[in-house]
């Protein structure tokens, strides 16, 4: 846990130093996206090699699909509501 806190603190410090440089912000955005893509790929790889998950996929599949659909719908509704309440110019 201390490693996570130290890394996050170090990242905040570096971000504070370079916050005004547009090139740095663009680079960090791209690196963040690629890190997320890599993590999603590794998660898929982990799920794909797990025999227990694959053998029970028909049981957990419908739960996962319905949970995902409702989570996306809820996120879209909350984003729309937040935008209309706080950010929309009147």
PDB file of N, CA and C in Angstrom:
ATOM      1  N   UNK A   1       0.826  -1.197   0.000  1.00  0.00           N
ATOM      2  CA  UNK A   1       0.000   0.000   0.000  1.00  0.00           C
ATOM      3  C   UNK A   1       0.866   1.255   0.000  1.00  0.00           C
ATOM      4  N   UNK A   2       1.959   1.220   0.731  1.00  0.00           N
ATOM      5  CA  UNK A   2       2.836   2.391   0.784  1.00  0.00           C
ATOM      6  C   UNK A   2       3.444   2.662  -0.590  1.00  0.00           C
ATOM      7  N   UNK A   3       3.700   1.600  -1.356  1.00  0.00           N
ATOM      8  CA  UNK A   3       4.243   1.771  -2.709  1.00  0.00           C
ATOM      9  C   UNK A   3       3.254   2.523  -3.589  1.00  0.00           C
ATOM     10  N   UNK A   4       1.990   2.161  -3.499  1.00  0.00           N
ATOM     11  CA  UNK A   4       0.952   2.829  -4.291  1.00  0.00           C
ATOM     12  C   UNK A   4       0.866   4.302  -3.909  1.00  0.00           C
ATOM     13  N   UNK A   5       0.864   4.590  -2.623  1.00  0.00           N
ATOM     14  CA  UNK A   5       0.781   5.986  -2.169  1.00  0.00           C
ATOM     15  C   UNK A   5       2.006   6.793  -2.589  1.00  0.00           C
ATOM     16  N   UNK A   6       3.187   6.191  -2.495  1.00  0.00           N
ATOM     17  CA  UNK A   6       4.403   6.894  -2.917  1.00  0.00           C
ATOM     18  C   UNK A   6       4.400   7.164  -4.417  1.00  0.00           C
ATOM     19  N   UNK A   7       4.002   6.174  -5.202  1.00  0.00           N
ATOM     20  CA  UNK A   7       3.946   6.378  -6.653  1.00  0.00           C
ATOM     21  C   UNK A   7       2.929   7.446  -7.031  1.00  0.00           C
ATOM     22  N   UNK A   8       1.784   7.428  -6.377  1.00  0.00           N
ATOM     23  CA  UNK A   8       0.763   8.430  -6.662  1.00  0.00           C
ATOM     24  C   UNK A   8       1.241   9.822  -6.250  1.00  0.00           C
ATOM     25  N   UNK A   9       1.877   9.923  -5.100  1.00  0.00           N
ATOM     26  CA  UNK A   9       2.407  11.213  -4.644  1.00  0.00           C
ATOM     27  C   UNK A   9       3.475  11.725  -5.600  1.00  0.00           C
ATOM     28  N   UNK A  10       4.341  10.826  -6.056  1.00  0.00           N
ATOM     29  CA  UNK A  10       5.376  11.217  -7.009  1.00  0.00           C
ATOM     30  C   UNK A  10       4.748  11.692  -8.319  1.00  0.00           C
ATOM     31  N   UNK A  11       3.708  11.001  -8.780  1.00  0.00           N
ATOM     32  CA  UNK A  11       3.009  11.416  -9.999  1.00  0.00           C
ATOM     33  C   UNK A  11       2.348  12.773  -9.850  1.00  0.00           C
ATOM     34  N   UNK A  12       1.751  13.018  -8.698  1.00  0.00           N
ATOM     35  CA  UNK A  12       1.132  14.325  -8.446  1.00  0.00           C
ATOM     36  C   UNK A  12       2.189  15.419  -8.461  1.00  0.00           C
ATOM     37  N   UNK A  13       3.331  15.155  -7.842  1.00  0.00           N
ATOM     38  CA  UNK A  13       4.419  16.139  -7.806  1.00  0.00           C
ATOM     39  C   UNK A  13       4.938  16.448  -9.210  1.00  0.00           C
ATOM     40  N   UNK A  14       5.175  15.417 -10.004  1.00  0.00           N
ATOM     41  CA  UNK A  14       5.655  15.622 -11.378  1.00  0.00           C
ATOM     42  C   UNK A  14       4.597  16.353 -12.202  1.00  0.00           C
ATOM     43  N   UNK A  15       3.336  15.987 -12.034  1.00  0.00           N
ATOM     44  CA  UNK A  15       2.256  16.677 -12.741  1.00  0.00           C
ATOM     45  C   UNK A  15       2.165  18.138 -12.359  1.00  0.00           C
ATOM     46  N   UNK A  16       2.395  18.432 -11.097  1.00  0.00           N
ATOM     47  CA  UNK A  16       2.364  19.821 -10.627  1.00  0.00           C
ATOM     48  C   UNK A  16       3.499  20.631 -11.251  1.00  0.00           C
ATOM     49  N   UNK A  17       4.664  20.011 -11.412  1.00  0.00           N
ATOM     50  CA  UNK A  17       5.809  20.706 -12.014  1.00  0.00           C
ATOM     51  C   UNK A  17       5.547  21.010 -13.491  1.00  0.00           C
ATOM     52  N   UNK A  18       4.995  20.050 -14.220  1.00  0.00           N
ATOM     53  CA  UNK A  18       4.837  20.183 -15.670  1.00  0.00           C
ATOM     54  C   UNK A  18       3.418  20.530 -16.109  1.00  0.00           C
ATOM     55  N   UNK A  19       2.574  21.004 -15.221  1.00  0.00           N
ATOM     56  CA  UNK A  19       1.157  21.193 -15.542  1.00  0.00           C
ATOM     57  C   UNK A  19       0.886  22.216 -16.640  1.00  0.00           C
ATOM     58  N   UNK A  20       1.787  23.121 -16.893  1.00  0.00           N
ATOM     59  CA  UNK A  20       1.533  24.167 -17.886  1.00  0.00           C
ATOM     60  C   UNK A  20       2.047  23.802 -19.280  1.00  0.00           C
ATOM     61  N   UNK A  21       2.717  22.691 -19.423  1.00  0.00           N
ATOM     62  CA  UNK A  21       3.276  22.322 -20.726  1.00  0.00           C
ATOM     63  C   UNK A  21       2.275  21.470 -21.501  1.00  0.00           C
ATOM     64  N   UNK A  22       1.822  22.010 -22.614  1.00  0.00           N
ATOM     65  CA  UNK A  22       0.791  21.353 -23.425  1.00  0.00           C
ATOM     66  C   UNK A  22       1.272  20.009 -23.975  1.00  0.00           C
ATOM     67  N   UNK A  23       2.530  19.953 -24.405  1.00  0.00           N
ATOM     68  CA  UNK A  23       3.074  18.716 -24.957  1.00  0.00           C
ATOM     69  C   UNK A  23       3.077  17.598 -23.908  1.00  0.00           C
ATOM     70  N   UNK A  24       3.413  17.960 -22.684  1.00  0.00           N
ATOM     71  CA  UNK A  24       3.440  16.990 -21.591  1.00  0.00           C
ATOM     72  C   UNK A  24       2.042  16.456 -21.310  1.00  0.00           C
ATOM     73  N   UNK A  25       1.053  17.347 -21.326  1.00  0.00           N
ATOM     74  CA  UNK A  25      -0.323  16.927 -21.079  1.00  0.00           C
ATOM     75  C   UNK A  25      -0.827  15.991 -22.173  1.00  0.00           C
ATOM     76  N   UNK A  26      -0.481  16.290 -23.418  1.00  0.00           N
ATOM     77  CA  UNK A  26      -0.873  15.431 -24.534  1.00  0.00           C
ATOM     78  C   UNK A  26      -0.224  14.057 -24.408  1.00  0.00           C
ATOM     79  N   UNK A  27       1.060  14.048 -24.065  1.00  0.00           N
ATOM     80  CA  UNK A  27       1.782  12.784 -23.917  1.00  0.00           C
ATOM     81  C   UNK A  27       1.206  11.943 -22.782  1.00  0.00           C
ATOM     82  N   UNK A  28       0.924  12.569 -21.653  1.00  0.00           N
ATOM     83  CA  UNK A  28       0.385  11.798 -20.527  1.00  0.00           C
ATOM     84  C   UNK A  28      -1.008  11.250 -20.844  1.00  0.00           C
ATOM     85  N   UNK A  29      -1.795  11.997 -21.599  1.00  0.00           N
ATOM     86  CA  UNK A  29      -3.107  11.497 -21.999  1.00  0.00           C
ATOM     87  C   UNK A  29      -2.991  10.258 -22.874  1.00  0.00           C
ATOM     88  N   UNK A  30      -2.075  10.300 -23.834  1.00  0.00           N
ATOM     89  CA  UNK A  30      -1.873   9.145 -24.719  1.00  0.00           C
ATOM     90  C   UNK A  30      -1.319   7.951 -23.951  1.00  0.00           C
ATOM     91  N   UNK A  31      -0.356   8.208 -23.061  1.00  0.00           N
ATOM     92  CA  UNK A  31       0.215   7.118 -22.266  1.00  0.00           C
ATOM     93  C   UNK A  31      -0.830   6.488 -21.347  1.00  0.00           C
ATOM     94  N   UNK A  32      -1.697   7.314 -20.787  1.00  0.00           N
ATOM     95  CA  UNK A  32      -2.763   6.793 -19.931  1.00  0.00           C
ATOM     96  C   UNK A  32      -3.700   5.898 -20.726  1.00  0.00           C
ATOM     97  N   UNK A  33      -4.084   6.335 -21.913  1.00  0.00           N
ATOM     98  CA  UNK A  33      -4.956   5.509 -22.760  1.00  0.00           C
ATOM     99  C   UNK A  33      -4.308   4.171 -23.085  1.00  0.00           C
ATOM    100  N   UNK A  34      -3.032   4.189 -23.478  1.00  0.00           N
ATOM    101  CA  UNK A  34      -2.357   2.942 -23.836  1.00  0.00           C
ATOM    102  C   UNK A  34      -2.165   2.036 -22.627  1.00  0.00           C
ATOM    103  N   UNK A  35      -1.959   2.625 -21.452  1.00  0.00           N
ATOM    104  CA  UNK A  35      -1.853   1.813 -20.235  1.00  0.00           C
ATOM    105  C   UNK A  35      -3.184   1.123 -19.938  1.00  0.00           C
ATOM    106  N   UNK A  36      -4.283   1.833 -20.137  1.00  0.00           N
ATOM    107  CA  UNK A  36      -5.606   1.235 -19.931  1.00  0.00           C
ATOM    108  C   UNK A  36      -5.855   0.123 -20.943  1.00  0.00           C
ATOM    109  N   UNK A  37      -5.483   0.346 -22.207  1.00  0.00           N
ATOM    110  CA  UNK A  37      -5.644  -0.692 -23.229  1.00  0.00           C
ATOM    111  C   UNK A  37      -4.847  -1.944 -22.851  1.00  0.00           C
ATOM    112  N   UNK A  38      -3.626  -1.744 -22.368  1.00  0.00           N
ATOM    113  CA  UNK A  38      -2.788  -2.873 -21.968  1.00  0.00           C
ATOM    114  C   UNK A  38      -3.409  -3.627 -20.793  1.00  0.00           C
ATOM    115  N   UNK A  39      -3.914  -2.897 -19.805  1.00  0.00           N
ATOM    116  CA  UNK A  39      -4.551  -3.542 -18.659  1.00  0.00           C
ATOM    117  C   UNK A  39      -5.797  -4.325 -19.077  1.00  0.00           C
ATOM    118  N   UNK A  40      -6.593  -3.770 -19.985  1.00  0.00           N
ATOM    119  CA  UNK A  40      -7.776  -4.486 -20.471  1.00  0.00           C
ATOM    120  C   UNK A  40      -7.389  -5.752 -21.235  1.00  0.00           C
ATOM    121  N   UNK A  41      -6.334  -5.657 -22.035  1.00  0.00           N
ATOM    122  CA  UNK A  41      -5.844  -6.826 -22.762  1.00  0.00           C
ATOM    123  C   UNK A  41      -5.389  -7.908 -21.792  1.00  0.00           C
ATOM    124  N   UNK A  42      -4.628  -7.508 -20.766  1.00  0.00           N
ATOM    125  CA  UNK A  42      -4.146  -8.479 -19.788  1.00  0.00           C
ATOM    126  C   UNK A  42      -5.290  -9.084 -18.979  1.00  0.00           C
ATOM    127  N   UNK A  43      -6.306  -8.292 -18.691  1.00  0.00           N
ATOM    128  CA  UNK A  43      -7.483  -8.820 -18.003  1.00  0.00           C
ATOM    129  C   UNK A  43      -8.189  -9.855 -18.876  1.00  0.00           C
ATOM    130  N   UNK A  44      -8.353  -9.556 -20.156  1.00  0.00           N
ATOM    131  CA  UNK A  44      -8.959 -10.508 -21.080  1.00  0.00           C
ATOM    132  C   UNK A  44      -8.132 -11.774 -21.206  1.00  0.00           C
ATOM    133  N   UNK A  45      -6.825 -11.619 -21.229  1.00  0.00           N
ATOM    134  CA  UNK A  45      -5.933 -12.771 -21.289  1.00  0.00           C
ATOM    135  C   UNK A  45      -6.082 -13.634 -20.041  1.00  0.00           C
ATOM    136  N   UNK A  46      -6.177 -12.994 -18.905  1.00  0.00           N
ATOM    137  CA  UNK A  46      -6.354 -13.714 -17.641  1.00  0.00           C
ATOM    138  C   UNK A  46      -7.686 -14.458 -17.605  1.00  0.00           C
ATOM    139  N   UNK A  47      -8.741 -13.818 -18.058  1.00  0.00           N
ATOM    140  CA  UNK A  47     -10.057 -14.468 -18.092  1.00  0.00           C
ATOM    141  C   UNK A  47     -10.046 -15.618 -19.094  1.00  0.00           C
ATOM    142  N   UNK A  48      -9.420 -15.406 -20.233  1.00  0.00           N
ATOM    143  CA  UNK A  48      -9.388 -16.433 -21.273  1.00  0.00           C
ATOM    144  C   UNK A  48      -8.604 -17.672 -20.889  1.00  0.00           C
ATOM    145  N   UNK A  49      -7.677 -17.556 -19.968  1.00  0.00           N
ATOM    146  CA  UNK A  49      -6.894 -18.717 -19.545  1.00  0.00           C
ATOM    147  C   UNK A  49      -7.423 -19.353 -18.265  1.00  0.00           C
ATOM    148  N   UNK A  50      -8.489 -18.805 -17.704  1.00  0.00           N
ATOM    149  CA  UNK A  50      -9.058 -19.327 -16.466  1.00  0.00           C
ATOM    150  C   UNK A  50     -10.157 -20.340 -16.804  1.00  0.00           C
ATOM    151  N   UNK A  51      -9.869 -21.615 -16.581  1.00  0.00           N
ATOM    152  CA  UNK A  51     -10.819 -22.683 -16.921  1.00  0.00           C
ATOM    153  C   UNK A  51     -12.113 -22.589 -16.123  1.00  0.00           C
ATOM    154  N   UNK A  52     -12.033 -22.161 -14.885  1.00  0.00           N
ATOM    155  CA  UNK A  52     -13.229 -22.068 -14.041  1.00  0.00           C
ATOM    156  C   UNK A  52     -14.207 -21.039 -14.611  1.00  0.00           C
ATOM    157  N   UNK A  53     -13.686 -19.902 -15.047  1.00  0.00           N
ATOM    158  CA  UNK A  53     -14.547 -18.864 -15.631  1.00  0.00           C
ATOM    159  C   UNK A  53     -15.131 -19.351 -16.952  1.00  0.00           C
ATOM    160  N   UNK A  54     -14.303 -19.950 -17.782  1.00  0.00           N
ATOM    161  CA  UNK A  54     -14.778 -20.401 -19.094  1.00  0.00           C
ATOM    162  C   UNK A  54     -15.824 -21.502 -18.979  1.00  0.00           C
ATOM    163  N   UNK A  55     -15.673 -22.407 -18.014  1.00  0.00           N
ATOM    164  CA  UNK A  55     -16.655 -23.486 -17.875  1.00  0.00           C
ATOM    165  C   UNK A  55     -17.985 -22.985 -17.314  1.00  0.00           C
ATOM    166  N   UNK A  56     -17.973 -21.891 -16.585  1.00  0.00           N
ATOM    167  CA  UNK A  56     -19.206 -21.316 -16.026  1.00  0.00           C
ATOM    168  C   UNK A  56     -19.667 -20.081 -16.788  1.00  0.00           C
ATOM    169  N   UNK A  57     -19.138 -19.890 -17.969  1.00  0.00           N
ATOM    170  CA  UNK A  57     -19.427 -18.671 -18.724  1.00  0.00           C
ATOM    171  C   UNK A  57     -20.907 -18.522 -19.049  1.00  0.00           C
ATOM    172  N   UNK A  58     -21.588 -19.639 -19.333  1.00  0.00           N
ATOM    173  CA  UNK A  58     -23.017 -19.550 -19.650  1.00  0.00           C
ATOM    174  C   UNK A  58     -23.825 -19.088 -18.443  1.00  0.00           C
ATOM    175  N   UNK A  59     -23.386 -19.422 -17.243  1.00  0.00           N
ATOM    176  CA  UNK A  59     -24.105 -19.004 -16.033  1.00  0.00           C
ATOM    177  C   UNK A  59     -23.828 -17.545 -15.688  1.00  0.00           C
ATOM    178  N   UNK A  60     -22.553 -17.183 -15.740  1.00  0.00           N
ATOM    179  CA  UNK A  60     -22.212 -15.807 -15.351  1.00  0.00           C
ATOM    180  C   UNK A  60     -22.323 -14.837 -16.518  1.00  0.00           C
ATOM    181  N   UNK A  61     -22.452 -15.370 -17.718  1.00  0.00           N
ATOM    182  CA  UNK A  61     -22.520 -14.513 -18.901  1.00  0.00           C
ATOM    183  C   UNK A  61     -23.712 -13.578 -18.898  1.00  0.00           C
ATOM    184  N   UNK A  62     -24.896 -14.134 -18.612  1.00  0.00           N
ATOM    185  CA  UNK A  62     -26.101 -13.300 -18.614  1.00  0.00           C
ATOM    186  C   UNK A  62     -26.071 -12.274 -17.496  1.00  0.00           C
ATOM    187  N   UNK A  63     -25.555 -12.661 -16.351  1.00  0.00           N
ATOM    188  CA  UNK A  63     -25.434 -11.701 -15.250  1.00  0.00           C
ATOM    189  C   UNK A  63     -24.471 -10.584 -15.635  1.00  0.00           C
ATOM    190  N   UNK A  64     -23.360 -10.955 -16.243  1.00  0.00           N
ATOM    191  CA  UNK A  64     -22.366  -9.962 -16.637  1.00  0.00           C
ATOM    192  C   UNK A  64     -22.910  -9.028 -17.705  1.00  0.00           C
ATOM    193  N   UNK A  65     -23.625  -9.594 -18.675  1.00  0.00           N
ATOM    194  CA  UNK A  65     -24.184  -8.763 -19.743  1.00  0.00           C
ATOM    195  C   UNK A  65     -25.227  -7.798 -19.191  1.00  0.00           C
ATOM    196  N   UNK A  66     -26.132  -8.300 -18.351  1.00  0.00           N
ATOM    197  CA  UNK A  66     -27.167  -7.414 -17.805  1.00  0.00           C
ATOM    198  C   UNK A  66     -26.563  -6.356 -16.892  1.00  0.00           C
ATOM    199  N   UNK A  67     -25.593  -6.736 -16.086  1.00  0.00           N
ATOM    200  CA  UNK A  67     -24.927  -5.761 -15.221  1.00  0.00           C
ATOM    201  C   UNK A  67     -24.227  -4.690 -16.052  1.00  0.00           C
ATOM    202  N   UNK A  68     -23.565  -5.110 -17.120  1.00  0.00           N
ATOM    203  CA  UNK A  68     -22.868  -4.165 -17.993  1.00  0.00           C
ATOM    204  C   UNK A  68     -23.842  -3.212 -18.671  1.00  0.00           C
ATOM    205  N   UNK A  69     -24.923  -3.755 -19.208  1.00  0.00           N
ATOM    206  CA  UNK A  69     -25.909  -2.916 -19.902  1.00  0.00           C
ATOM    207  C   UNK A  69     -26.500  -1.880 -18.955  1.00  0.00           C
ATOM    208  N   UNK A  70     -26.899  -2.314 -17.771  1.00  0.00           N
ATOM    209  CA  UNK A  70     -27.496  -1.368 -16.824  1.00  0.00           C
ATOM    210  C   UNK A  70     -26.470  -0.370 -16.286  1.00  0.00           C
ATOM    211  N   UNK A  71     -25.216  -0.783 -16.143  1.00  0.00           N
ATOM    212  CA  UNK A  71     -24.170   0.151 -15.712  1.00  0.00           C
ATOM    213  C   UNK A  71     -23.935   1.222 -16.772  1.00  0.00           C
ATOM    214  N   UNK A  72     -23.919   0.820 -18.038  1.00  0.00           N
ATOM    215  CA  UNK A  72     -23.731   1.789 -19.124  1.00  0.00           C
ATOM    216  C   UNK A  72     -24.921   2.735 -19.205  1.00  0.00           C
ATOM    217  N   UNK A  73     -26.122   2.201 -19.113  1.00  0.00           N
ATOM    218  CA  UNK A  73     -27.322   3.052 -19.154  1.00  0.00           C
ATOM    219  C   UNK A  73     -27.313   4.035 -17.988  1.00  0.00           C
ATOM    220  N   UNK A  74     -26.988   3.557 -16.793  1.00  0.00           N
ATOM    221  CA  UNK A  74     -26.919   4.438 -15.627  1.00  0.00           C
ATOM    222  C   UNK A  74     -25.854   5.505 -15.769  1.00  0.00           C
ATOM    223  N   UNK A  75     -24.701   5.141 -16.317  1.00  0.00           N
ATOM    224  CA  UNK A  75     -23.628   6.113 -16.522  1.00  0.00           C
ATOM    225  C   UNK A  75     -24.032   7.184 -17.525  1.00  0.00           C
ATOM    226  N   UNK A  76     -24.676   6.769 -18.603  1.00  0.00           N
ATOM    227  CA  UNK A  76     -25.129   7.731 -19.613  1.00  0.00           C
ATOM    228  C   UNK A  76     -26.164   8.676 -19.025  1.00  0.00           C
ATOM    229  N   UNK A  77     -27.113   8.133 -18.275  1.00  0.00           N
ATOM    230  CA  UNK A  77     -28.140   8.983 -17.662  1.00  0.00           C
ATOM    231  C   UNK A  77     -27.539   9.970 -16.662  1.00  0.00           C
ATOM    232  N   UNK A  78     -26.617   9.508 -15.839  1.00  0.00           N
ATOM    233  CA  UNK A  78     -26.002  10.402 -14.853  1.00  0.00           C
ATOM    234  C   UNK A  78     -25.122  11.452 -15.530  1.00  0.00           C
ATOM    235  N   UNK A  79     -24.416  11.075 -16.593  1.00  0.00           N
ATOM    236  CA  UNK A  79     -23.606  12.048 -17.324  1.00  0.00           C
ATOM    237  C   UNK A  79     -24.498  13.103 -17.964  1.00  0.00           C
ATOM    238  N   UNK A  80     -25.611  12.680 -18.546  1.00  0.00           N
ATOM    239  CA  UNK A  80     -26.549  13.616 -19.158  1.00  0.00           C
ATOM    240  C   UNK A  80     -27.128  14.556 -18.109  1.00  0.00           C
ATOM    241  N   UNK A  81     -27.524  13.997 -16.976  1.00  0.00           N
ATOM    242  CA  UNK A  81     -28.088  14.804 -15.897  1.00  0.00           C
ATOM    243  C   UNK A  81     -27.058  15.796 -15.350  1.00  0.00           C
ATOM    244  N   UNK A  82     -25.843  15.336 -15.125  1.00  0.00           N
ATOM    245  CA  UNK A  82     -24.780  16.215 -14.628  1.00  0.00           C
ATOM    246  C   UNK A  82     -24.493  17.331 -15.616  1.00  0.00           C
ATOM    247  N   UNK A  83     -24.416  16.993 -16.899  1.00  0.00           N
ATOM    248  CA  UNK A  83     -24.161  18.008 -17.923  1.00  0.00           C
ATOM    249  C   UNK A  83     -25.272  19.051 -17.927  1.00  0.00           C
ATOM    250  N   UNK A  84     -26.514  18.600 -17.913  1.00  0.00           N
ATOM    251  CA  UNK A  84     -27.636  19.539 -17.967  1.00  0.00           C
ATOM    252  C   UNK A  84     -27.759  20.385 -16.704  1.00  0.00           C
ATOM    253  N   UNK A  85     -27.407  19.842 -15.566  1.00  0.00           N
ATOM    254  CA  UNK A  85     -27.525  20.598 -14.320  1.00  0.00           C
ATOM    255  C   UNK A  85     -26.373  21.577 -14.093  1.00  0.00           C
ATOM    256  N   UNK A  86     -25.154  21.197 -14.475  1.00  0.00           N
ATOM    257  CA  UNK A  86     -23.993  21.986 -14.078  1.00  0.00           C
ATOM    258  C   UNK A  86     -23.221  22.646 -15.217  1.00  0.00           C
ATOM    259  N   UNK A  87     -23.260  22.101 -16.418  1.00  0.00           N
ATOM    260  CA  UNK A  87     -22.373  22.590 -17.468  1.00  0.00           C
ATOM    261  C   UNK A  87     -23.072  23.213 -18.669  1.00  0.00           C
ATOM    262  N   UNK A  88     -24.341  22.972 -18.846  1.00  0.00           N
ATOM    263  CA  UNK A  88     -25.045  23.483 -20.015  1.00  0.00           C
ATOM    264  C   UNK A  88     -25.255  24.986 -19.872  1.00  0.00           C
ATOM    265  N   UNK A  89     -24.871  25.704 -20.906  1.00  0.00           N
ATOM    266  CA  UNK A  89     -25.073  27.160 -20.919  1.00  0.00           C
ATOM    267  C   UNK A  89     -26.537  27.445 -21.195  1.00  0.00           C
ATOM    268  N   UNK A  90     -27.092  28.332 -20.409  1.00  0.00           N
ATOM    269  CA  UNK A  90     -28.523  28.648 -20.581  1.00  0.00           C
ATOM    270  C   UNK A  90     -28.696  29.971 -21.239  1.00  0.00           C
TER     271      UNK A  90
END
